[in-house]
C-alpha atoms as a PDB file:
ATOM      1  CA  MET A   1     -78.052  32.151  85.992  1.00  0.00           C
ATOM      2  CA  LYS A   2     -78.195  28.780  84.297  1.00  0.00           C
ATOM      3  CA  MET A   3     -79.379  30.421  81.090  1.00  0.00           C
ATOM      4  CA  GLU A   4     -76.568  32.491  80.789  1.00  0.00           C
ATOM      5  CA  THR A   5     -74.101  29.614  80.990  1.00  0.00           C
ATOM      6  CA  ARG A   6     -75.774  27.385  78.156  1.00  0.00           C
ATOM      7  CA  THR A   7     -75.908  30.345  75.939  1.00  0.00           C
ATOM      8  CA  GLY A   8     -72.045  30.882  76.072  1.00  0.00           C
ATOM      9  CA  THR A   9     -71.316  27.187  75.752  1.00  0.00           C
ATOM     10  CA  ILE A  10     -73.184  27.209  72.207  1.00  0.00           C
ATOM     11  CA  LEU A  11     -71.375  30.174  70.782  1.00  0.00           C
ATOM     12  CA  ILE A  12     -68.071  28.869  71.624  1.00  0.00           C
ATOM     13  CA  LEU A  13     -68.445  25.488  69.981  1.00  0.00           C
ATOM     14  CA  PHE A  14     -69.846  27.138  66.717  1.00  0.00           C
ATOM     15  CA  ILE A  15     -66.865  29.430  66.409  1.00  0.00           C
ATOM     16  CA  VAL A  16     -64.471  26.449  66.899  1.00  0.00           C
ATOM     17  CA  LEU A  17     -66.279  24.422  64.104  1.00  0.00           C
ATOM     18  CA  MET A  18     -66.047  27.266  61.759  1.00  0.00           C
ATOM     19  CA  ALA A  19     -62.527  27.601  62.310  1.00  0.00           C
ATOM     20  CA  ILE A  20     -61.637  24.274  61.387  1.00  0.00           C
ATOM     21  CA  GLY A  21     -63.827  24.119  58.590  1.00  0.00           C
ATOM     22  CA  MET A  22     -61.931  27.067  57.028  1.00  0.00           C
ATOM     23  CA  THR A  23     -58.323  25.771  57.582  1.00  0.00           C
ATOM     24  CA  VAL A  24     -58.397  22.125  56.798  1.00  0.00           C
ATOM     25  CA  PRO A  25     -58.039  21.349  52.834  1.00  0.00           C
ATOM     26  CA  LEU A  26     -59.378  18.256  51.030  1.00  0.00           C
ATOM     27  CA  ALA A  27     -56.575  15.549  50.556  1.00  0.00           C
ATOM     28  CA  SER A  28     -55.101  15.478  46.534  1.00  0.00           C
ATOM     29  CA  ALA A  29     -52.198  14.144  44.532  1.00  0.00           C
ATOM     30  CA  THR A  30     -50.469  15.456  41.305  1.00  0.00           C
ATOM     31  CA  ASN A  31     -48.042  13.920  38.541  1.00  0.00           C
ATOM     32  CA  GLU A  32     -44.748  15.858  37.528  1.00  0.00           C
ATOM     33  CA  ALA A  33     -42.882  15.063  34.404  1.00  0.00           C
ATOM     34  CA  ALA A  34     -39.316  13.937  34.875  1.00  0.00           C
ATOM     35  CA  GLU A  35     -36.949  14.011  31.917  1.00  0.00           C
ATOM     36  CA  THR A  36     -33.009  14.287  31.121  1.00  0.00           C
ATOM     37  CA  ALA A  37     -31.213  14.253  27.789  1.00  0.00           C
ATOM     38  CA  VAL A  38     -28.626  11.706  27.318  1.00  0.00           C
ATOM     39  CA  THR A  39     -26.299  12.720  24.523  1.00  0.00           C
ATOM     40  CA  ASN A  40     -24.384  10.213  22.104  1.00  0.00           C
ATOM     41  CA  SER A  41     -20.935   8.973  23.202  1.00  0.00           C
ATOM     42  CA  ASP A  42     -18.406   9.347  20.169  1.00  0.00           C
ATOM     43  CA  PRO A  43     -16.303   6.422  19.231  1.00  0.00           C
ATOM     44  CA  VAL A  44     -12.748   6.484  20.248  1.00  0.00           C
ATOM     45  CA  ILE A  45      -9.554   5.023  18.381  1.00  0.00           C
ATOM     46  CA  SER A  46      -6.752   4.217  20.439  1.00  0.00           C
ATOM     47  CA  ALA A  47      -3.693   1.984  20.620  1.00  0.00           C
ATOM     48  CA  VAL A  48      -2.591   2.291  16.931  1.00  0.00           C
ATOM     49  CA  SER A  49       0.370   0.536  15.884  1.00  0.00           C
ATOM     50  CA  PHE A  50       1.786  -0.387  12.485  1.00  0.00           C
ATOM     51  CA  GLY A  51       5.507  -1.055  13.083  1.00  0.00           C
ATOM     52  CA  PRO A  52       7.680  -0.559  10.045  1.00  0.00           C
ATOM     53  CA  THR A  53       8.909   2.721   8.877  1.00  0.00           C
ATOM     54  CA  ALA A  54       9.683   1.612   5.577  1.00  0.00           C
ATOM     55  CA  VAL A  55       7.697  -1.248   3.534  1.00  0.00           C
ATOM     56  CA  ASP A  56       8.422  -3.513   0.644  1.00  0.00           C
ATOM     57  CA  VAL A  57       5.545  -3.806  -1.963  1.00  0.00           C
ATOM     58  CA  ASN A  58       3.667  -7.101  -2.420  1.00  0.00           C
ATOM     59  CA  THR A  59       4.420  -8.044   1.288  1.00  0.00           C
ATOM     60  CA  ASN A  60       1.966  -8.627   4.028  1.00  0.00           C
ATOM     61  CA  TYR A  61       1.816  -6.056   6.937  1.00  0.00           C
ATOM     62  CA  GLN A  62      -0.692  -5.865  10.040  1.00  0.00           C
ATOM     63  CA  LEU A  63      -2.392  -3.021  11.444  1.00  0.00           C
ATOM     64  CA  ASN A  64      -3.471  -2.745  15.025  1.00  0.00           C
ATOM     65  CA  PHE A  65      -5.932  -0.475  16.666  1.00  0.00           C
ATOM     66  CA  THR A  66      -8.621  -0.587  19.098  1.00  0.00           C
ATOM     67  CA  VAL A  67     -12.112   1.084  18.888  1.00  0.00           C
ATOM     68  CA  THR A  68     -14.264   2.050  21.967  1.00  0.00           C
ATOM     69  CA  ASP A  69     -17.778   3.207  21.959  1.00  0.00           C
ATOM     70  CA  ALA A  70     -19.618   3.620  25.487  1.00  0.00           C
ATOM     71  CA  ASN A  71     -22.878   2.768  23.780  1.00  0.00           C
ATOM     72  CA  THR A  72     -21.221  -0.443  22.880  1.00  0.00           C
ATOM     73  CA  LEU A  73     -19.702  -1.818  19.491  1.00  0.00           C
ATOM     74  CA  ASN A  74     -23.615  -2.340  18.145  1.00  0.00           C
ATOM     75  CA  ASP A  75     -23.525   1.817  17.929  1.00  0.00           C
ATOM     76  CA  LEU A  76     -20.813   1.546  15.243  1.00  0.00           C
ATOM     77  CA  THR A  77     -21.581   1.588  11.535  1.00  0.00           C
ATOM     78  CA  SER A  78     -18.339   1.303   9.851  1.00  0.00           C
ATOM     79  CA  ILE A  79     -14.556   1.616   9.978  1.00  0.00           C
ATOM     80  CA  VAL A  80     -12.462   2.988   7.207  1.00  0.00           C
ATOM     81  CA  VAL A  81      -8.604   2.680   6.951  1.00  0.00           C
ATOM     82  CA  GLU A  82      -7.230   4.491   4.217  1.00  0.00           C
ATOM     83  CA  VAL A  83      -3.422   3.870   3.153  1.00  0.00           C
ATOM     84  CA  TYR A  84      -2.463   6.487   0.673  1.00  0.00           C
ATOM     85  CA  TYR A  85       0.388   8.609  -0.811  1.00  0.00           C
ATOM     86  CA  GLU A  86      -2.223  11.045  -1.923  1.00  0.00           C
ATOM     87  CA  SER A  87      -5.423  11.430   0.174  1.00  0.00           C
ATOM     88  CA  GLU A  88      -7.464  13.514  -2.394  1.00  0.00           C
ATOM     89  CA  THR A  89      -7.136  11.007  -5.119  1.00  0.00           C
ATOM     90  CA  ALA A  90      -9.404   7.995  -5.868  1.00  0.00           C
ATOM     91  CA  GLU A  91      -8.403   4.474  -4.879  1.00  0.00           C
ATOM     92  CA  ALA A  92      -5.812   3.264  -7.080  1.00  0.00           C
ATOM     93  CA  ILE A  93      -2.950   0.630  -6.886  1.00  0.00           C
ATOM     94  CA  ARG A  94      -0.173   3.232  -7.576  1.00  0.00           C
ATOM     95  CA  LYS A  95      -1.196   5.710  -4.513  1.00  0.00           C
ATOM     96  CA  HIS A  96      -4.375   5.090  -2.515  1.00  0.00           C
ATOM     97  CA  TYR A  97      -6.024   1.905  -0.824  1.00  0.00           C
ATOM     98  CA  ASN A  98      -9.212   1.762   1.038  1.00  0.00           C
ATOM     99  CA  PHE A  99     -10.383  -1.066   3.641  1.00  0.00           C
ATOM    100  CA  THR A 100     -13.790  -0.678   5.014  1.00  0.00           C
ATOM    101  CA  TRP A 101     -15.454  -2.583   7.816  1.00  0.00           C
ATOM    102  CA  THR A 102     -19.401  -2.510   8.195  1.00  0.00           C
ATOM    103  CA  GLU A 103     -21.201  -3.537  11.438  1.00  0.00           C
ATOM    104  CA  GLY A 104     -23.633  -6.192  10.753  1.00  0.00           C
ATOM    105  CA  GLU A 105     -25.429  -9.236  12.379  1.00  0.00           C
ATOM    106  CA  VAL A 106     -23.007 -11.824  10.969  1.00  0.00           C
ATOM    107  CA  LEU A 107     -19.241 -11.584  10.698  1.00  0.00           C
ATOM    108  CA  THR A 108     -18.121  -9.006   7.938  1.00  0.00           C
ATOM    109  CA  ASN A 109     -14.487  -8.751   6.870  1.00  0.00           C
ATOM    110  CA  PHE A 110     -12.882  -5.541   5.616  1.00  0.00           C
ATOM    111  CA  VAL A 111     -13.708  -4.956   2.011  1.00  0.00           C
ATOM    112  CA  ASP A 112     -10.722  -3.571  -0.205  1.00  0.00           C
ATOM    113  CA  SER A 113     -10.808  -1.142  -3.019  1.00  0.00           C
ATOM    114  CA  PRO A 114      -8.752  -1.707  -5.161  1.00  0.00           C
ATOM    115  CA  ALA A 115      -9.457  -5.532  -4.731  1.00  0.00           C
ATOM    116  CA  THR A 116      -7.171  -8.088  -3.906  1.00  0.00           C
ATOM    117  CA  TYR A 117      -4.858  -6.411  -1.258  1.00  0.00           C
ATOM    118  CA  TRP A 118      -6.930  -7.103   1.622  1.00  0.00           C
ATOM    119  CA  VAL A 119      -5.252 -10.473   3.475  1.00  0.00           C
ATOM    120  CA  SER A 120      -6.872 -10.944   6.798  1.00  0.00           C
ATOM    121  CA  ASN A 121      -8.206  -9.331   9.645  1.00  0.00           C
ATOM    122  CA  THR A 122      -9.667  -9.819  13.315  1.00  0.00           C
ATOM    123  CA  VAL A 123     -13.190  -8.006  13.727  1.00  0.00           C
ATOM    124  CA  PRO A 124     -16.197  -8.663  16.033  1.00  0.00           C
ATOM    125  CA  THR A 125     -17.709 -11.994  15.072  1.00  0.00           C
ATOM    126  CA  SER A 126     -21.353 -10.846  15.101  1.00  0.00           C
ATOM    127  CA  ASP A 127     -23.824  -8.189  16.067  1.00  0.00           C
ATOM    128  CA  GLY A 128     -24.248  -9.807  19.504  1.00  0.00           C
ATOM    129  CA  GLU A 129     -20.631  -8.831  20.518  1.00  0.00           C
ATOM    130  CA  ALA A 130     -21.891  -5.880  22.251  1.00  0.00           C
ATOM    131  CA  GLY A 131     -18.778  -4.901  24.461  1.00  0.00           C
ATOM    132  CA  ALA A 132     -17.729  -1.296  24.486  1.00  0.00           C
ATOM    133  CA  ALA A 133     -14.166  -1.809  23.079  1.00  0.00           C
ATOM    134  CA  PHE A 134     -12.535  -4.118  20.483  1.00  0.00           C
ATOM    135  CA  ALA A 135      -9.055  -4.468  19.257  1.00  0.00           C
ATOM    136  CA  TYR A 136      -8.910  -4.680  15.458  1.00  0.00           C
ATOM    137  CA  THR A 137      -6.347  -5.979  13.244  1.00  0.00           C
ATOM    138  CA  LEU A 138      -6.117  -5.534   9.328  1.00  0.00           C
ATOM    139  CA  THR A 139      -3.480  -7.078   7.392  1.00  0.00           C
ATOM    140  CA  PHE A 140      -2.697  -5.796   4.003  1.00  0.00           C
ATOM    141  CA  LYS A 141      -0.105  -5.315   0.895  1.00  0.00           C
ATOM    142  CA  LEU A 142       0.642  -2.970  -1.461  1.00  0.00           C
ATOM    143  CA  ASP A 143       0.885  -3.584  -5.369  1.00  0.00           C
ATOM    144  CA  LYS A 144       4.173  -3.927  -6.809  1.00  0.00           C
ATOM    145  CA  VAL A 145       3.987  -0.406  -8.538  1.00  0.00           C
ATOM    146  CA  ALA A 146       2.941   1.576  -5.421  1.00  0.00           C
ATOM    147  CA  ILE A 147       4.809   4.760  -5.476  1.00  0.00           C
ATOM    148  CA  PRO A 148       8.192   4.634  -3.652  1.00  0.00           C
ATOM    149  CA  SER A 149       8.614   7.631  -1.226  1.00  0.00           C
ATOM    150  CA  ALA A 150      11.497   9.619   0.435  1.00  0.00           C
ATOM    151  CA  ASP A 151      11.390  11.380   3.546  1.00  0.00           C
ATOM    152  CA  GLU A 152       9.377  14.359   2.219  1.00  0.00           C
ATOM    153  CA  ASN A 153       6.957  11.799   0.558  1.00  0.00           C
ATOM    154  CA  THR A 154       5.443   9.517   3.022  1.00  0.00           C
ATOM    155  CA  TRP A 155       2.634   7.389   3.096  1.00  0.00           C
ATOM    156  CA  THR A 156      -0.110   7.738   5.742  1.00  0.00           C
ATOM    157  CA  ILE A 157      -2.585   5.427   7.592  1.00  0.00           C
ATOM    158  CA  LYS A 158      -5.814   7.122   8.317  1.00  0.00           C
ATOM    159  CA  ILE A 159      -8.459   5.370  10.513  1.00  0.00           C
ATOM    160  CA  THR A 160     -11.871   6.516  10.803  1.00  0.00           C
ATOM    161  CA  ALA A 161     -14.699   4.996  12.980  1.00  0.00           C
ATOM    162  CA  ILE A 162     -18.396   6.267  12.621  1.00  0.00           C
ATOM    163  CA  ASP A 163     -21.179   5.474  14.635  1.00  0.00           C
ATOM    164  CA  ASP A 164     -25.239   5.497  14.082  1.00  0.00           C
ATOM    165  CA  SER A 165     -25.200   9.406  14.706  1.00  0.00           C
ATOM    166  CA  ASP A 166     -22.394  10.128  12.243  1.00  0.00           C
ATOM    167  CA  ALA A 167     -20.060  10.853  15.040  1.00  0.00           C
ATOM    168  CA  SER A 168     -16.547   9.642  14.323  1.00  0.00           C
ATOM    169  CA  ASP A 169     -13.026   9.800  15.484  1.00  0.00           C
ATOM    170  CA  THR A 170     -10.016   9.763  13.088  1.00  0.00           C
ATOM    171  CA  ASN A 171      -6.319   8.871  13.749  1.00  0.00           C
ATOM    172  CA  THR A 172      -3.640   9.612  11.407  1.00  0.00           C
ATOM    173  CA  ALA A 173      -0.723   9.045  13.415  1.00  0.00           C
ATOM    174  CA  GLU A 174       0.964   6.172  11.467  1.00  0.00           C
ATOM    175  CA  THR A 175       3.214   6.940   8.423  1.00  0.00           C
ATOM    176  CA  PHE A 176       5.675   5.092   6.393  1.00  0.00           C
ATOM    177  CA  ASP A 177       8.037   5.058   3.411  1.00  0.00           C
ATOM    178  CA  VAL A 178       7.690   2.444   0.456  1.00  0.00           C
ATOM    179  CA  ASN A 179      11.024   1.084  -0.851  1.00  0.00           C
ATOM    180  CA  LYS A 180      11.771   0.646  -4.502  1.00  0.00           C
ATOM    181  CA  TYR A 181      11.042  -2.287  -6.085  1.00  0.00           C
ATOM    182  CA  SER A 182      12.011  -4.134  -9.452  1.00  0.00           C
ATOM    183  CA  GLU A 183      11.647  -7.536 -11.224  1.00  0.00           C
ATOM    184  CA  ILE A 184      12.755  -8.803 -14.510  1.00  0.00           C
ATOM    185  CA  ALA A 185      12.134 -11.820 -16.682  1.00  0.00           C
ATOM    186  CA  ILE A 186      13.915 -12.887 -20.179  1.00  0.00           C
ATOM    187  CA  ASN A 187      12.325 -15.082 -22.695  1.00  0.00           C
ATOM    188  CA  GLU A 188      15.101 -17.527 -22.917  1.00  0.00           C
ATOM    189  CA  SER A 189      17.582 -18.472 -20.445  1.00  0.00           C
ATOM    190  CA  ALA A 190      20.669 -18.442 -22.787  1.00  0.00           C
ATOM    191  CA  ILE A 191      22.151 -16.278 -25.610  1.00  0.00           C
ATOM    192  CA  ASN A 192      23.405 -18.663 -28.216  1.00  0.00           C
ATOM    193  CA  PHE A 193      25.309 -17.479 -31.310  1.00  0.00           C
ATOM    194  CA  GLY A 194      25.395 -20.951 -32.794  1.00  0.00           C
ATOM    195  CA  GLY A 195      28.218 -22.744 -34.811  1.00  0.00           C
ATOM    196  CA  LEU A 196      30.383 -20.049 -36.400  1.00  0.00           C
ATOM    197  CA  ALA A 197      33.770 -20.472 -38.331  1.00  0.00           C
ATOM    198  CA  PRO A 198      36.946 -18.316 -37.822  1.00  0.00           C
ATOM    199  CA  GLY A 199      36.071 -15.177 -39.744  1.00  0.00           C
ATOM    200  CA  THR A 200      32.495 -15.587 -39.927  1.00  0.00           C
ATOM    201  CA  ALA A 201      30.407 -12.588 -38.720  1.00  0.00           C
ATOM    202  CA  ILE A 202      28.447 -12.963 -35.556  1.00  0.00           C
ATOM    203  CA  GLY A 203      24.506 -12.928 -36.359  1.00  0.00           C
ATOM    204  CA  LYS A 204      21.823 -11.276 -34.248  1.00  0.00           C
ATOM    205  CA  VAL A 205      20.010 -12.874 -31.388  1.00  0.00           C
ATOM    206  CA  ASP A 206      17.251 -11.170 -30.068  1.00  0.00           C
ATOM    207  CA  ARG A 207      16.005 -11.310 -26.320  1.00  0.00           C
ATOM    208  CA  GLU A 208      12.679 -10.007 -24.813  1.00  0.00           C
ATOM    209  CA  VAL A 209      12.804  -8.521 -21.235  1.00  0.00           C
ATOM    210  CA  THR A 210       9.931  -8.031 -19.136  1.00  0.00           C
ATOM    211  CA  MET A 211       9.988  -5.857 -16.119  1.00  0.00           C
ATOM    212  CA  THR A 212       7.815  -4.545 -13.467  1.00  0.00           C
ATOM    213  CA  ALA A 213       9.053  -1.834 -11.056  1.00  0.00           C
ATOM    214  CA  ASN A 214       7.763   1.308  -9.126  1.00  0.00           C
ATOM    215  CA  SER A 215      10.168   3.460 -10.280  1.00  0.00           C
ATOM    216  CA  ASN A 216      12.110   4.435 -13.408  1.00  0.00           C
ATOM    217  CA  LEU A 217      15.263   2.130 -14.060  1.00  0.00           C
ATOM    218  CA  SER A 218      18.026   1.384 -16.268  1.00  0.00           C
ATOM    219  CA  VAL A 219      18.601  -1.809 -18.014  1.00  0.00           C
ATOM    220  CA  LYS A 220      22.203  -2.813 -17.774  1.00  0.00           C
ATOM    221  CA  VAL A 221      24.202  -5.844 -19.329  1.00  0.00           C
ATOM    222  CA  THR A 222      27.501  -7.033 -18.060  1.00  0.00           C
ATOM    223  CA  GLY A 223      29.584  -9.261 -20.601  1.00  0.00           C
ATOM    224  CA  ALA A 224      32.215 -11.675 -19.689  1.00  0.00           C
ATOM    225  CA  ASP A 225      34.922 -13.479 -21.629  1.00  0.00           C
ATOM    226  CA  LEU A 226      33.767 -16.512 -23.442  1.00  0.00           C
ATOM    227  CA  VAL A 227      36.010 -19.317 -22.358  1.00  0.00           C
ATOM    228  CA  CYS A 228      36.509 -22.845 -24.289  1.00  0.00           C
ATOM    229  CA  ALA A 229      36.982 -25.305 -21.417  1.00  0.00           C
ATOM    230  CA  GLU A 230      38.048 -28.080 -23.869  1.00  0.00           C
ATOM    231  CA  ILE A 231      41.169 -26.070 -24.802  1.00  0.00           C
ATOM    232  CA  THR A 232      43.871 -27.040 -22.161  1.00  0.00           C
ATOM    233  CA  SER A 233      46.659 -25.136 -23.409  1.00  0.00           C
ATOM    234  CA  GLY A 234      47.543 -21.827 -25.709  1.00  0.00           C
ATOM    235  CA  SER A 235      46.247 -18.680 -25.702  1.00  0.00           C
ATOM    236  CA  ASP A 236      43.305 -19.199 -28.329  1.00  0.00           C
ATOM    237  CA  ASP A 237      40.959 -20.628 -25.629  1.00  0.00           C
ATOM    238  CA  THR A 238      39.111 -17.243 -25.031  1.00  0.00           C
ATOM    239  CA  LEU A 239      36.935 -14.749 -26.997  1.00  0.00           C
ATOM    240  CA  ALA A 240      37.882 -11.441 -24.676  1.00  0.00           C
ATOM    241  CA  MET A 241      35.599  -8.435 -24.259  1.00  0.00           C
ATOM    242  CA  THR A 242      38.640  -6.292 -24.864  1.00  0.00           C
ATOM    243  CA  GLU A 243      38.388  -7.444 -28.392  1.00  0.00           C
ATOM    244  CA  ASN A 244      35.065  -5.717 -28.794  1.00  0.00           C
ATOM    245  CA  LEU A 245      33.623  -8.648 -30.715  1.00  0.00           C
ATOM    246  CA  PHE A 246      29.997  -8.564 -29.220  1.00  0.00           C
ATOM    247  CA  ASN A 247      27.402  -5.798 -29.288  1.00  0.00           C
ATOM    248  CA  MET A 248      24.308  -5.004 -27.710  1.00  0.00           C
ATOM    249  CA  ASN A 249      21.281  -2.786 -29.224  1.00  0.00           C
ATOM    250  CA  ASN A 250      17.977  -1.543 -27.971  1.00  0.00           C
ATOM    251  CA  LEU A 251      15.250  -1.909 -30.316  1.00  0.00           C
ATOM    252  CA  THR A 252      12.263  -0.454 -28.323  1.00  0.00           C
ATOM    253  CA  GLU A 253      11.259   3.326 -28.070  1.00  0.00           C
ATOM    254  CA  PRO A 254      10.466   3.242 -24.261  1.00  0.00           C
ATOM    255  CA  ALA A 255       7.719   5.337 -23.195  1.00  0.00           C
ATOM    256  CA  VAL A 256       9.725   7.280 -20.783  1.00  0.00           C
ATOM    257  CA  GLY A 257      13.578   7.572 -20.646  1.00  0.00           C
ATOM    258  CA  SER A 258      16.128   6.862 -23.394  1.00  0.00           C
ATOM    259  CA  GLY A 259      17.487   4.053 -25.592  1.00  0.00           C
ATOM    260  CA  VAL A 260      16.629   3.082 -29.019  1.00  0.00           C
ATOM    261  CA  ASN A 261      19.070   1.936 -31.855  1.00  0.00           C
ATOM    262  CA  SER A 262      22.126   2.728 -29.878  1.00  0.00           C
ATOM    263  CA  VAL A 263      24.767   0.021 -30.348  1.00  0.00           C
ATOM    264  CA  THR A 264      27.398  -0.580 -27.646  1.00  0.00           C
ATOM    265  CA  SER A 265      29.984  -2.852 -27.241  1.00  0.00           C
ATOM    266  CA  LEU A 266      29.995  -5.308 -24.302  1.00  0.00           C
ATOM    267  CA  THR A 267      32.302  -4.943 -21.598  1.00  0.00           C
ATOM    268  CA  THR A 268      33.155  -6.782 -18.521  1.00  0.00           C
ATOM    269  CA  SER A 269      31.569  -3.699 -16.675  1.00  0.00           C
ATOM    270  CA  ALA A 270      27.708  -3.008 -16.478  1.00  0.00           C
ATOM    271  CA  ILE A 271      26.665  -0.897 -19.485  1.00  0.00           C
ATOM    272  CA  ALA A 272      23.276   0.512 -19.805  1.00  0.00           C
ATOM    273  CA  VAL A 273      21.382  -0.457 -22.910  1.00  0.00           C
ATOM    274  CA  TYR A 274      18.056   1.487 -21.745  1.00  0.00           C
ATOM    275  CA  THR A 275      18.326   4.576 -19.250  1.00  0.00           C
ATOM    276  CA  GLU A 276      15.941   5.599 -16.716  1.00  0.00           C
ATOM    277  CA  ILE A 277      13.077   4.188 -18.536  1.00  0.00           C
ATOM    278  CA  ALA A 278       9.345   3.552 -17.574  1.00  0.00           C
ATOM    279  CA  GLU A 279       6.256   2.171 -19.216  1.00  0.00           C
ATOM    280  CA  THR A 280       4.061   4.989 -17.576  1.00  0.00           C
ATOM    281  CA  ALA A 281       5.173   8.437 -16.608  1.00  0.00           C
ATOM    282  CA  CYS A 282       4.175   9.558 -13.022  1.00  0.00           C
ATOM    283  CA  ALA A 283       1.385  11.948 -13.307  1.00  0.00           C
ATOM    284  CA  LEU A 284       1.399  13.342  -9.784  1.00  0.00           C
ATOM    285  CA  GLU A 285       4.670  15.263  -9.886  1.00  0.00           C
ATOM    286  CA  THR A 286       7.017  15.671 -12.754  1.00  0.00           C
ATOM    287  CA  ASN A 287       9.958  14.976 -10.339  1.00  0.00           C
ATOM    288  CA  ILE A 288       8.828  11.724  -9.098  1.00  0.00           C
ATOM    289  CA  SER A 289       9.451   8.531 -11.433  1.00  0.00           C
ATOM    290  CA  GLY A 290       7.129   6.311 -13.193  1.00  0.00           C
ATOM    291  CA  TYR A 291       6.456   2.667 -13.324  1.00  0.00           C
ATOM    292  CA  SER A 292       6.255  -0.408 -15.314  1.00  0.00           C
ATOM    293  CA  SER A 293       3.810  -3.322 -15.075  1.00  0.00           C
ATOM    294  CA  ALA A 294       4.884  -6.382 -17.097  1.00  0.00           C
ATOM    295  CA  TYR A 295       6.838  -3.933 -19.648  1.00  0.00           C
ATOM    296  CA  THR A 296       8.414  -5.685 -22.442  1.00  0.00           C
ATOM    297  CA  LEU A 297      11.494  -4.194 -24.248  1.00  0.00           C
ATOM    298  CA  ASP A 298      13.882  -6.027 -26.906  1.00  0.00           C
ATOM    299  CA  ILE A 299      17.662  -6.248 -26.736  1.00  0.00           C
ATOM    300  CA  THR A 300      19.605  -7.485 -29.759  1.00  0.00           C
ATOM    301  CA  PHE A 301      22.978  -9.263 -29.442  1.00  0.00           C
ATOM    302  CA  ASP A 302      25.394  -9.525 -32.384  1.00  0.00           C
ATOM    303  CA  GLY A 303      29.169  -8.900 -33.018  1.00  0.00           C
ATOM    304  CA  THR A 304      31.728  -8.333 -35.479  1.00  0.00           C
ATOM    305  CA  SER A 305      33.425 -11.876 -36.580  1.00  0.00           C
ATOM    306  CA  ILE A 306      35.128 -14.649 -34.904  1.00  0.00           C
ATOM    307  CA  PRO A 307      38.960 -13.993 -34.974  1.00  0.00           C
ATOM    308  CA  SER A 308      41.080 -16.124 -37.270  1.00  0.00           C
ATOM    309  CA  PRO A 309      42.900 -18.073 -36.469  1.00  0.00           C
ATOM    310  CA  GLN A 310      40.748 -19.487 -33.364  1.00  0.00           C
ATOM    311  CA  GLU A 311      40.608 -23.021 -31.696  1.00  0.00           C
ATOM    312  CA  ASP A 312      37.272 -24.987 -32.211  1.00  0.00           C
ATOM    313  CA  GLY A 313      35.309 -25.662 -29.339  1.00  0.00           C
ATOM    314  CA  THR A 314      32.453 -24.429 -27.336  1.00  0.00           C
ATOM    315  CA  TYR A 315      32.976 -20.934 -25.854  1.00  0.00           C
ATOM    316  CA  ASP A 316      30.595 -19.951 -22.975  1.00  0.00           C
ATOM    317  CA  ASN A 317      30.203 -17.802 -20.003  1.00  0.00           C
ATOM    318  CA  THR A 318      27.455 -15.920 -18.093  1.00  0.00           C
ATOM    319  CA  TRP A 319      26.484 -12.446 -19.195  1.00  0.00           C
ATOM    320  CA  VAL A 320      24.028 -10.542 -16.638  1.00  0.00           C
ATOM    321  CA  ILE A 321      21.063  -8.430 -17.877  1.00  0.00           C
ATOM    322  CA  ALA A 322      19.985  -6.426 -14.741  1.00  0.00           C
ATOM    323  CA  LEU A 323      17.642  -3.643 -13.667  1.00  0.00           C
ATOM    324  CA  ASP A 324      19.079  -0.769 -11.980  1.00  0.00           C
ATOM    325  CA  ASN A 325      17.089   1.564 -10.032  1.00  0.00           C
ATOM    326  CA  THR A 326      19.569   2.987  -7.526  1.00  0.00           C
ATOM    327  CA  ALA A 327      21.186   5.920  -9.349  1.00  0.00           C
ATOM    328  CA  LEU A 328      18.139   7.935 -10.676  1.00  0.00           C
ATOM    329  CA  THR A 329      18.384  11.570 -11.299  1.00  0.00           C
ATOM    330  CA  SER A 330      15.005  12.237  -9.877  1.00  0.00           C
ATOM    331  CA  ALA A 331      15.133  14.448  -6.732  1.00  0.00           C
ATOM    332  CA  LYS A 332      12.391  12.091  -5.468  1.00  0.00           C
ATOM    333  CA  TYR A 333      11.882   8.649  -6.255  1.00  0.00           C
END
């Protein structure tokens, strides 16, 4: 009986040990690769404001806008502000201005093309200014000959922000008109016919008129009776315009418009001596006027003769030589 009991015990232990060896694995560890793709965040332009709906040339105006980039401002490469009448043309003072800011390690202002039309700006002070947004300002002006516009011919402000991946945002929300402009200078401040005896012919006096304008214009002269303040009584104290004593003549063939060798008597009303003239015709559209930049024309003043009899003395008054760009025949300015 004892022998049978011991044999049964050995068999049971062996079976248990074999079962344990078959079902318990050895301890181990594995490395799993973990990854995700982070895409670039495009720059965003916002809070754009310009203000005026019509601007004067040669006058400073400020543009405001904010650029935001979730990857911070260091992700930006450039901001380009285009101010244009025609977007597809090269930069030119007449119709298209570019202002470019480039991100850098030190302060970089907007660079203008054409030059001299950048006035001031607010930009990040350095590469270390790594915030996610910045409020930019750009102050600029347009040249005196920038194209004036009507409702159908507005100017546009286009802002483009570009980052390191060439992602960009563009804003063209701001538009404006340009007002007409003209200025005049005359080489002498007076028209002096000198001393003339009664019955003597009135000699010629030439005057050089220099003008700058962003549209076609007319040159008009307004006469006034010449009066002698030294004569206190009688009717001979005046050389009246109604007597057609004084004439004007345009001596220059204008590049655009009309007016050469056309003698006209001066009156107390404004009379055109040159009509709808310009130094340069507008090449964009035939029905948009041209422009003049320090364009010089000549006007000759002369007359018939001093009436006889006529009291002696100095006769004077003010004659006006003026530019008129308000009554052009062009459908567009």
